[in-house]
Amino acid sequence: MAVTPKANTELVAVAWLSSAVGVEAGQVATTLPSDPAAWETNGFVQVCPVVGGSPQMYYALREPVVQVDCYAVNPSSGKPPWGKAASLFELLVAATYDTALMQRTLTLPAGYPQARVMTAHFTSEPRRIPGDDASYARYVADLALHWITL
C-alpha cells in the first residue's frame, strides 16, 4: 500500500515565505545551498526546524513556530553584508502585514495536498548572529504560522 504524502510545517513555511513580495523563486528552502554563488545576488532564506507551537486538539489547525534565518554573502570581501541580510528579513516581516498573503491557498510540491496559511507573525525581532567563519551575514527570528491542509 502506497503512503499518501501529507503536508508538513516545513513545506508550508517554505511555500508561504516564497510568496513574499520581493522574494525570488528558489530563494527559500530548508537547506542553505553549499555554493554561495547561487545566492550571493539576493541572499537566501532558510526555514529551520520547528521551535515551538502545537496543533489544535479538536480540529486540523496547526500552530507551529519555526526559526527563519536570512543569509547574505559577499564572496569578494571578508565583510558580512549585514544590510542586505537585514533588508531581506524586512521583506518577510512586511509579508506578515500583507493581507493578500493570508487565507490564500498554497501549492505544495507535487503529490502533496494544498494548504492555507490563516495568519503568520513573527514572535521575535530579527537578531544579528555575528562571528560566522565564512563571513556570512545572518539574521534569525521565530515565525508563528496558523495553517490547515485543504
N, C-alpha and C. Protein backbone atom coordinates (compact mmCIF):
# COMPACT_ATOMS: atom_id res chain seq x y z
N MET A 1 0.85 -1.18 0.00
CA MET A 1 0.00 0.00 0.00
C MET A 1 0.89 1.24 0.00
N ALA A 2 0.64 2.16 -0.91
CA ALA A 2 1.42 3.40 -1.01
C ALA A 2 0.99 4.38 0.07
N VAL A 3 1.95 5.07 0.61
CA VAL A 3 1.67 6.09 1.62
C VAL A 3 1.42 7.41 0.91
N THR A 4 0.30 8.05 1.24
CA THR A 4 -0.02 9.35 0.66
C THR A 4 0.75 10.43 1.40
N PRO A 5 1.50 11.27 0.67
CA PRO A 5 2.24 12.34 1.35
C PRO A 5 1.29 13.30 2.07
N LYS A 6 1.70 13.78 3.21
CA LYS A 6 0.93 14.75 3.98
C LYS A 6 1.68 16.07 4.05
N ALA A 7 0.95 17.16 4.07
CA ALA A 7 1.57 18.47 4.23
C ALA A 7 2.25 18.52 5.59
N ASN A 8 3.34 19.28 5.68
CA ASN A 8 4.00 19.47 6.96
C ASN A 8 4.42 20.92 7.10
N THR A 9 4.80 21.29 8.29
CA THR A 9 5.10 22.68 8.59
C THR A 9 6.24 23.24 7.75
N GLU A 10 7.29 22.46 7.53
CA GLU A 10 8.41 22.98 6.74
C GLU A 10 7.98 23.30 5.31
N LEU A 11 7.19 22.41 4.69
CA LEU A 11 6.71 22.66 3.33
C LEU A 11 5.83 23.91 3.28
N VAL A 12 4.95 24.05 4.27
CA VAL A 12 4.05 25.21 4.31
C VAL A 12 4.84 26.49 4.52
N ALA A 13 5.80 26.48 5.43
CA ALA A 13 6.60 27.68 5.70
C ALA A 13 7.40 28.10 4.47
N VAL A 14 8.01 27.14 3.78
CA VAL A 14 8.76 27.46 2.57
C VAL A 14 7.83 28.07 1.52
N ALA A 15 6.67 27.46 1.30
CA ALA A 15 5.73 27.96 0.29
C ALA A 15 5.23 29.36 0.64
N TRP A 16 4.90 29.57 1.92
CA TRP A 16 4.37 30.88 2.31
C TRP A 16 5.45 31.96 2.22
N LEU A 17 6.64 31.71 2.75
CA LEU A 17 7.71 32.71 2.68
C LEU A 17 8.13 32.99 1.24
N SER A 18 8.05 31.98 0.38
CA SER A 18 8.39 32.18 -1.04
C SER A 18 7.43 33.13 -1.73
N SER A 19 6.23 33.30 -1.16
CA SER A 19 5.23 34.17 -1.78
C SER A 19 5.37 35.63 -1.36
N ALA A 20 6.31 35.94 -0.48
CA ALA A 20 6.51 37.33 -0.04
C ALA A 20 6.96 38.20 -1.21
N VAL A 21 6.44 39.40 -1.28
CA VAL A 21 6.82 40.34 -2.33
C VAL A 21 8.32 40.63 -2.22
N GLY A 22 9.03 40.48 -3.35
CA GLY A 22 10.46 40.74 -3.38
C GLY A 22 11.32 39.50 -3.21
N VAL A 23 10.70 38.38 -2.84
CA VAL A 23 11.45 37.12 -2.70
C VAL A 23 11.40 36.40 -4.04
N GLU A 24 12.56 35.98 -4.51
CA GLU A 24 12.68 35.34 -5.82
C GLU A 24 12.42 33.83 -5.73
N ALA A 25 12.05 33.24 -6.83
CA ALA A 25 11.85 31.78 -6.90
C ALA A 25 13.15 31.08 -6.52
N GLY A 26 13.06 30.07 -5.71
CA GLY A 26 14.22 29.31 -5.29
C GLY A 26 15.06 29.95 -4.20
N GLN A 27 14.59 31.06 -3.66
CA GLN A 27 15.35 31.80 -2.65
C GLN A 27 15.04 31.32 -1.23
N VAL A 28 14.08 30.41 -1.09
CA VAL A 28 13.68 29.90 0.23
C VAL A 28 13.72 28.37 0.19
N ALA A 29 14.33 27.77 1.20
CA ALA A 29 14.38 26.31 1.32
C ALA A 29 14.75 25.94 2.75
N THR A 30 14.79 24.65 3.01
CA THR A 30 15.17 24.19 4.35
C THR A 30 16.68 23.98 4.49
N THR A 31 17.39 24.01 3.37
CA THR A 31 18.83 23.81 3.39
C THR A 31 19.52 24.95 2.66
N LEU A 32 20.52 25.54 3.28
CA LEU A 32 21.32 26.59 2.65
C LEU A 32 22.16 25.96 1.55
N PRO A 33 22.09 26.48 0.32
CA PRO A 33 22.91 25.91 -0.76
C PRO A 33 24.40 26.00 -0.40
N SER A 34 25.15 24.96 -0.73
CA SER A 34 26.57 24.92 -0.37
C SER A 34 27.40 25.91 -1.18
N ASP A 35 26.94 26.28 -2.37
CA ASP A 35 27.68 27.23 -3.20
C ASP A 35 27.10 28.63 -3.02
N PRO A 36 27.82 29.52 -2.32
CA PRO A 36 27.30 30.87 -2.09
C PRO A 36 27.06 31.67 -3.37
N ALA A 37 27.71 31.29 -4.46
CA ALA A 37 27.49 32.00 -5.72
C ALA A 37 26.03 31.87 -6.17
N ALA A 38 25.36 30.80 -5.74
CA ALA A 38 23.97 30.56 -6.12
C ALA A 38 23.02 31.57 -5.48
N TRP A 39 23.43 32.21 -4.38
CA TRP A 39 22.52 33.13 -3.68
C TRP A 39 23.17 34.45 -3.29
N GLU A 40 24.36 34.75 -3.82
CA GLU A 40 25.04 35.99 -3.44
C GLU A 40 24.30 37.24 -3.89
N THR A 41 23.56 37.19 -4.98
CA THR A 41 22.89 38.38 -5.50
C THR A 41 21.74 38.82 -4.61
N ASN A 42 20.87 37.88 -4.21
CA ASN A 42 19.66 38.25 -3.47
C ASN A 42 19.62 37.77 -2.03
N GLY A 43 20.59 36.98 -1.61
CA GLY A 43 20.54 36.40 -0.27
C GLY A 43 19.71 35.12 -0.28
N PHE A 44 19.55 34.54 0.90
CA PHE A 44 18.83 33.28 0.99
C PHE A 44 18.06 33.21 2.29
N VAL A 45 16.88 32.58 2.24
CA VAL A 45 16.03 32.38 3.41
C VAL A 45 15.98 30.89 3.72
N GLN A 46 16.38 30.55 4.93
CA GLN A 46 16.36 29.15 5.35
C GLN A 46 15.28 28.94 6.40
N VAL A 47 14.39 27.99 6.14
CA VAL A 47 13.39 27.58 7.13
C VAL A 47 14.03 26.48 7.95
N CYS A 48 14.18 26.74 9.23
CA CYS A 48 14.83 25.79 10.15
C CYS A 48 13.77 24.97 10.86
N PRO A 49 14.18 24.05 11.70
CA PRO A 49 13.19 23.19 12.36
C PRO A 49 12.18 23.95 13.22
N VAL A 50 11.09 23.28 13.50
CA VAL A 50 10.06 23.83 14.37
C VAL A 50 10.66 24.04 15.76
N VAL A 51 10.41 25.21 16.35
CA VAL A 51 10.94 25.51 17.68
C VAL A 51 9.86 25.61 18.75
N GLY A 52 8.60 25.48 18.34
CA GLY A 52 7.51 25.54 19.31
C GLY A 52 6.16 25.49 18.64
N GLY A 53 5.13 25.77 19.44
CA GLY A 53 3.77 25.73 18.94
C GLY A 53 3.15 24.37 19.16
N SER A 54 1.88 24.25 18.75
CA SER A 54 1.19 22.97 18.91
C SER A 54 -0.01 22.91 17.98
N PRO A 55 -0.41 21.68 17.60
CA PRO A 55 -1.63 21.54 16.81
C PRO A 55 -2.86 21.67 17.71
N GLN A 56 -3.97 22.04 17.12
CA GLN A 56 -5.23 22.09 17.87
C GLN A 56 -5.67 20.67 18.22
N MET A 57 -6.38 20.56 19.30
CA MET A 57 -6.80 19.25 19.78
C MET A 57 -8.03 18.70 19.04
N TYR A 58 -8.96 19.57 18.68
CA TYR A 58 -10.24 19.10 18.15
C TYR A 58 -10.46 19.36 16.67
N TYR A 59 -9.61 20.12 16.03
CA TYR A 59 -9.74 20.34 14.59
C TYR A 59 -8.36 20.53 13.99
N ALA A 60 -8.26 20.43 12.69
CA ALA A 60 -6.97 20.32 11.99
C ALA A 60 -6.28 21.66 11.75
N LEU A 61 -6.20 22.49 12.76
CA LEU A 61 -5.44 23.74 12.67
C LEU A 61 -4.09 23.52 13.31
N ARG A 62 -3.04 23.81 12.57
CA ARG A 62 -1.68 23.68 13.08
C ARG A 62 -1.19 25.06 13.48
N GLU A 63 -0.44 25.16 14.59
CA GLU A 63 0.04 26.44 15.09
C GLU A 63 1.52 26.37 15.49
N PRO A 64 2.39 26.03 14.52
CA PRO A 64 3.81 25.90 14.85
C PRO A 64 4.53 27.25 14.88
N VAL A 65 5.70 27.23 15.49
CA VAL A 65 6.64 28.35 15.41
C VAL A 65 7.91 27.77 14.81
N VAL A 66 8.39 28.39 13.73
CA VAL A 66 9.61 27.92 13.06
C VAL A 66 10.67 29.01 13.12
N GLN A 67 11.90 28.58 13.16
CA GLN A 67 13.01 29.54 13.08
C GLN A 67 13.24 29.85 11.61
N VAL A 68 13.43 31.13 11.32
CA VAL A 68 13.74 31.58 9.96
C VAL A 68 15.08 32.30 10.00
N ASP A 69 15.99 31.90 9.12
CA ASP A 69 17.31 32.53 9.01
C ASP A 69 17.41 33.20 7.65
N CYS A 70 17.92 34.43 7.63
CA CYS A 70 18.19 35.12 6.37
C CYS A 70 19.69 35.32 6.25
N TYR A 71 20.24 34.92 5.11
CA TYR A 71 21.67 35.00 4.86
C TYR A 71 21.97 35.94 3.70
N ALA A 72 23.14 36.56 3.79
CA ALA A 72 23.70 37.31 2.67
C ALA A 72 25.20 37.08 2.70
N VAL A 73 25.82 37.16 1.53
CA VAL A 73 27.25 36.90 1.43
C VAL A 73 27.85 37.82 0.37
N ASN A 74 29.11 38.15 0.56
CA ASN A 74 29.88 38.90 -0.43
C ASN A 74 31.21 38.15 -0.57
N PRO A 75 31.28 37.20 -1.52
CA PRO A 75 32.47 36.35 -1.63
C PRO A 75 33.77 37.11 -1.89
N SER A 76 33.67 38.31 -2.47
CA SER A 76 34.90 39.05 -2.79
C SER A 76 35.39 39.91 -1.62
N SER A 77 34.70 39.83 -0.49
CA SER A 77 35.08 40.63 0.67
C SER A 77 34.96 39.77 1.93
N GLY A 78 35.76 40.05 2.91
CA GLY A 78 35.66 39.36 4.19
C GLY A 78 34.65 39.98 5.12
N LYS A 79 33.96 41.01 4.65
CA LYS A 79 32.98 41.71 5.48
C LYS A 79 31.57 41.19 5.20
N PRO A 80 30.87 40.74 6.22
CA PRO A 80 29.48 40.28 6.02
C PRO A 80 28.59 41.44 5.57
N PRO A 81 27.74 41.23 4.58
CA PRO A 81 26.82 42.28 4.10
C PRO A 81 25.56 42.35 4.98
N TRP A 82 25.71 42.91 6.17
CA TRP A 82 24.61 42.96 7.14
C TRP A 82 23.38 43.66 6.60
N GLY A 83 23.57 44.74 5.86
CA GLY A 83 22.43 45.49 5.32
C GLY A 83 21.59 44.66 4.37
N LYS A 84 22.24 43.86 3.54
CA LYS A 84 21.50 43.02 2.59
C LYS A 84 20.69 41.95 3.33
N ALA A 85 21.28 41.33 4.34
CA ALA A 85 20.56 40.31 5.11
C ALA A 85 19.40 40.93 5.88
N ALA A 86 19.62 42.10 6.46
CA ALA A 86 18.56 42.77 7.22
C ALA A 86 17.41 43.18 6.29
N SER A 87 17.74 43.68 5.11
CA SER A 87 16.70 44.09 4.16
C SER A 87 15.87 42.90 3.69
N LEU A 88 16.53 41.77 3.47
CA LEU A 88 15.80 40.56 3.09
C LEU A 88 14.84 40.17 4.20
N PHE A 89 15.30 40.25 5.44
CA PHE A 89 14.41 39.88 6.55
C PHE A 89 13.22 40.83 6.63
N GLU A 90 13.44 42.10 6.37
CA GLU A 90 12.34 43.06 6.43
C GLU A 90 11.28 42.80 5.36
N LEU A 91 11.66 42.19 4.23
CA LEU A 91 10.66 41.77 3.25
C LEU A 91 9.72 40.72 3.86
N LEU A 92 10.30 39.83 4.66
CA LEU A 92 9.50 38.78 5.30
C LEU A 92 8.60 39.36 6.39
N VAL A 93 9.13 40.30 7.16
CA VAL A 93 8.33 40.96 8.19
C VAL A 93 7.15 41.68 7.53
N ALA A 94 7.42 42.39 6.44
CA ALA A 94 6.35 43.11 5.72
C ALA A 94 5.29 42.13 5.22
N ALA A 95 5.69 40.93 4.83
CA ALA A 95 4.73 39.93 4.34
C ALA A 95 3.71 39.55 5.41
N THR A 96 4.09 39.61 6.67
CA THR A 96 3.15 39.24 7.74
C THR A 96 2.05 40.28 7.90
N TYR A 97 2.24 41.46 7.34
CA TYR A 97 1.22 42.52 7.38
C TYR A 97 0.46 42.64 6.06
N ASP A 98 0.79 41.81 5.09
CA ASP A 98 0.16 41.84 3.78
C ASP A 98 -1.07 40.94 3.79
N THR A 99 -2.25 41.53 3.86
CA THR A 99 -3.48 40.74 3.97
C THR A 99 -3.72 39.86 2.75
N ALA A 100 -3.12 40.20 1.61
CA ALA A 100 -3.29 39.37 0.41
C ALA A 100 -2.59 38.02 0.56
N LEU A 101 -1.64 37.92 1.49
CA LEU A 101 -0.93 36.65 1.69
C LEU A 101 -1.62 35.75 2.72
N MET A 102 -2.66 36.25 3.36
CA MET A 102 -3.38 35.45 4.36
C MET A 102 -4.61 34.81 3.72
N GLN A 103 -5.01 33.69 4.26
CA GLN A 103 -6.19 32.96 3.78
C GLN A 103 -6.07 32.57 2.31
N ARG A 104 -4.84 32.39 1.86
CA ARG A 104 -4.58 32.08 0.46
C ARG A 104 -4.13 30.63 0.34
N THR A 105 -4.61 29.95 -0.70
CA THR A 105 -4.22 28.57 -0.93
C THR A 105 -2.79 28.52 -1.46
N LEU A 106 -1.96 27.67 -0.83
CA LEU A 106 -0.58 27.47 -1.25
C LEU A 106 -0.48 26.15 -1.99
N THR A 107 0.27 26.12 -3.05
CA THR A 107 0.53 24.88 -3.75
C THR A 107 1.84 24.32 -3.24
N LEU A 108 1.79 23.14 -2.70
CA LEU A 108 2.98 22.46 -2.19
C LEU A 108 3.57 21.59 -3.30
N PRO A 109 4.73 20.99 -3.09
CA PRO A 109 5.33 20.16 -4.14
C PRO A 109 4.38 19.07 -4.63
N ALA A 110 4.65 18.57 -5.81
CA ALA A 110 3.81 17.55 -6.45
C ALA A 110 3.56 16.38 -5.51
N GLY A 111 2.31 15.95 -5.45
CA GLY A 111 1.93 14.82 -4.63
C GLY A 111 1.43 15.20 -3.24
N TYR A 112 1.68 16.43 -2.82
CA TYR A 112 1.22 16.88 -1.50
C TYR A 112 -0.08 17.65 -1.64
N PRO A 113 -0.94 17.60 -0.63
CA PRO A 113 -2.17 18.39 -0.69
C PRO A 113 -1.86 19.88 -0.56
N GLN A 114 -2.80 20.68 -0.94
CA GLN A 114 -2.65 22.13 -0.77
C GLN A 114 -2.84 22.49 0.70
N ALA A 115 -2.37 23.68 1.06
CA ALA A 115 -2.51 24.16 2.43
C ALA A 115 -2.90 25.63 2.38
N ARG A 116 -3.40 26.11 3.49
CA ARG A 116 -3.78 27.53 3.60
C ARG A 116 -3.21 28.07 4.90
N VAL A 117 -2.48 29.18 4.80
CA VAL A 117 -2.00 29.88 5.98
C VAL A 117 -3.06 30.90 6.36
N MET A 118 -3.59 30.75 7.57
CA MET A 118 -4.62 31.66 8.05
C MET A 118 -3.98 32.98 8.51
N THR A 119 -2.94 32.86 9.34
CA THR A 119 -2.20 34.03 9.81
C THR A 119 -0.73 33.66 9.96
N ALA A 120 0.10 34.67 9.94
CA ALA A 120 1.53 34.50 10.17
C ALA A 120 2.04 35.76 10.85
N HIS A 121 2.88 35.57 11.86
CA HIS A 121 3.50 36.73 12.52
C HIS A 121 4.80 36.30 13.18
N PHE A 122 5.73 37.23 13.24
CA PHE A 122 6.99 36.95 13.92
C PHE A 122 6.79 37.13 15.41
N THR A 123 7.34 36.20 16.18
CA THR A 123 7.22 36.26 17.64
C THR A 123 8.47 36.86 18.28
N SER A 124 9.44 37.20 17.43
CA SER A 124 10.66 37.87 17.92
C SER A 124 11.16 38.79 16.82
N GLU A 125 11.95 39.77 17.23
CA GLU A 125 12.59 40.66 16.27
C GLU A 125 13.75 39.92 15.61
N PRO A 126 14.06 40.25 14.35
CA PRO A 126 15.24 39.65 13.73
C PRO A 126 16.49 40.02 14.53
N ARG A 127 17.31 39.03 14.83
CA ARG A 127 18.53 39.31 15.59
C ARG A 127 19.76 38.89 14.78
N ARG A 128 20.75 39.73 14.84
CA ARG A 128 22.01 39.51 14.13
C ARG A 128 22.80 38.40 14.82
N ILE A 129 23.35 37.49 14.01
CA ILE A 129 24.18 36.40 14.52
C ILE A 129 25.61 36.65 14.00
N PRO A 130 26.46 37.24 14.82
CA PRO A 130 27.83 37.56 14.37
C PRO A 130 28.78 36.37 14.49
N GLY A 131 29.97 36.55 13.95
CA GLY A 131 31.04 35.59 14.15
C GLY A 131 31.06 34.40 13.24
N ASP A 132 30.45 34.49 12.07
CA ASP A 132 30.45 33.37 11.14
C ASP A 132 31.82 33.27 10.45
N ASP A 133 32.41 32.10 10.45
CA ASP A 133 33.74 31.90 9.86
C ASP A 133 33.76 32.19 8.36
N ALA A 134 32.64 31.98 7.67
CA ALA A 134 32.58 32.21 6.23
C ALA A 134 32.22 33.65 5.88
N SER A 135 32.11 34.51 6.88
CA SER A 135 31.74 35.91 6.69
C SER A 135 30.35 36.07 6.08
N TYR A 136 29.45 35.15 6.42
CA TYR A 136 28.06 35.30 6.03
C TYR A 136 27.39 36.24 7.01
N ALA A 137 26.51 37.09 6.50
CA ALA A 137 25.65 37.89 7.36
C ALA A 137 24.40 37.04 7.59
N ARG A 138 23.99 36.92 8.86
CA ARG A 138 22.85 36.06 9.19
C ARG A 138 21.99 36.73 10.25
N TYR A 139 20.69 36.79 9.96
CA TYR A 139 19.70 37.25 10.92
C TYR A 139 18.74 36.09 11.19
N VAL A 140 18.22 36.02 12.41
CA VAL A 140 17.35 34.93 12.83
C VAL A 140 16.15 35.49 13.57
N ALA A 141 14.98 34.90 13.35
CA ALA A 141 13.77 35.24 14.13
C ALA A 141 12.82 34.04 14.06
N ASP A 142 11.81 34.07 14.93
CA ASP A 142 10.85 32.98 15.01
C ASP A 142 9.52 33.41 14.40
N LEU A 143 8.97 32.55 13.54
CA LEU A 143 7.72 32.83 12.82
C LEU A 143 6.63 31.88 13.26
N ALA A 144 5.51 32.42 13.70
CA ALA A 144 4.34 31.62 14.05
C ALA A 144 3.41 31.56 12.85
N LEU A 145 3.01 30.36 12.50
CA LEU A 145 2.08 30.14 11.39
C LEU A 145 0.84 29.45 11.92
N HIS A 146 -0.29 29.81 11.38
CA HIS A 146 -1.56 29.11 11.69
C HIS A 146 -2.05 28.61 10.33
N TRP A 147 -2.01 27.28 10.15
CA TRP A 147 -2.32 26.73 8.83
C TRP A 147 -3.16 25.47 8.92
N ILE A 148 -3.80 25.18 7.78
CA ILE A 148 -4.60 23.96 7.66
C ILE A 148 -4.30 23.31 6.31
N THR A 149 -4.55 22.02 6.24
CA THR A 149 -4.47 21.29 4.97
C THR A 149 -5.84 21.35 4.31
N LEU A 150 -5.85 21.52 3.00
CA LEU A 150 -7.13 21.55 2.26
C LEU A 150 -7.45 20.20 1.67
